[in-house]
C-alpha cells in the first residue's frame, strides 16, 4: 500500500531472549514455549498497530514508513500536513488512545474467553508473563502493552502527548529536552526495577523505551531537515553531461573518468533525457556501438533550486527506478541530485543542523 514496513533488529533478537526464558523454565518443550511467548508479544504489537493504522486512515494521514519495536511502532509521515495533524488537535489524542484501547479491550476479551471456557484458570498469579503459562502470558502481554503506553515516557503514547503539550507552551526545543529527560529517567527506573525485582520484561521495556526515544527524536529532527533544506544546498554542481549524438563508446570513455552513475543528456542547454552507466555498458555488449539517444530514458522528473529536499525525496520514492533528478533553472541544468549523493548529503546536513542547534542552545 505504499508504506515501508521495517522491523528493528532488536525485535528479532528478542526471539533468543524468549527462547532462553522458555528453556530455563522447561527442559522438554522450552524452545516451543519460548517461541509461543514471542508470538504473544507479536500479537500485542499487531493489535496495537492495526488499531493505529485504522485511526490513521480515518484521519486521512499519509504514512511513509513504520518501524516496529517491541513497545509498538513508530510512524514516519509522508508530508508535513500529516505530521502536523498527527501531533496536534484531535488527531494526536485519537492516535494516542487507539493503541491502549485496542490492547485493553483485547485483554478483556481474552480474560472473558478463558474464564468462560475454564472458570478455574489462574490469571493473576505471579509472574504474570512466563513461558509456563502461555494463555495467561498472552492476556497480560495485551494488558501490559496498554498499561505501558499510559506512562508519561517519550515516545510512548502518553509521553508523546506530554511532549506535544509542552511544545505549544514552551517551544519544541524545550519540550524535546524535557520529554527526552523524563523518558530516559523512567526507562532507567524500569531497567533497574527489572533487575531488582527479577522481572526481565520490565527491564526489556525500559531498554526499548530508551531506544524508541532516540529513534523517534532522530526521525523528528530528520523530518525538520528535509522539509526546510532546499535543493540548491545539496545538489551537485560539478557534474558531467552527455549529448544525444555522442556514440556509446565515447560515452563509456566519459564514464571511466567520472564517479557518476547517471548522466543528464542535453542538446544545447535543453535537457532531453537521462542515461545510466550500466545502460551504456549493456547496450554496447548486446547491440554494439550506437548513439546515446537510442538508449537514454525520456521519462524523468526535474527539480528547481528552491524545491525542498522532502519534495525531491517524495519524487524519487514515487518514481519507480528513478535514480537521478536534474535541477533546472530557466530550462538549463544547474545541478543534479542522485540517490547515491543524496544519502550522504542528508547525513551531513543532519549533523550540521544538529551542531548549529547545539551552538545556539535551541
Foldseek 3Di string as FASTA:
>chain_A
DQEAEAEDPVLVVVLVVLLVLQCVVDVPCSNVLSNLLSVLLVVLQVQLVVQLVVLCVVVVFAFHYWYADSLYIDTFGLDVVNVDQCLDDVNLVSNQPRSLVRLVVVLVVLVVVVCVVPVPDDQDDPPQAGSVDSSSNSSVSSNVSNVLLCDLAPPRSNVSNQLSVCCVPPNNLVSLVVRLVVNLVVLVVQLVVCVVVVNVVSNVSSVVSNVRSVVNVLSVLLVVQQQPAFQLVQFAQDDDAAEQADKLVVVLVVVVVDPDQKHFYADVQATQFMDGNVQSVVCCVPPNMDTNNVRTDRDAAEAERGDGNSVVVVVCSPDVPDFKHFYDDPRGGRGIDGPVSVVVRSVVSSVVVVVVCVVVVD
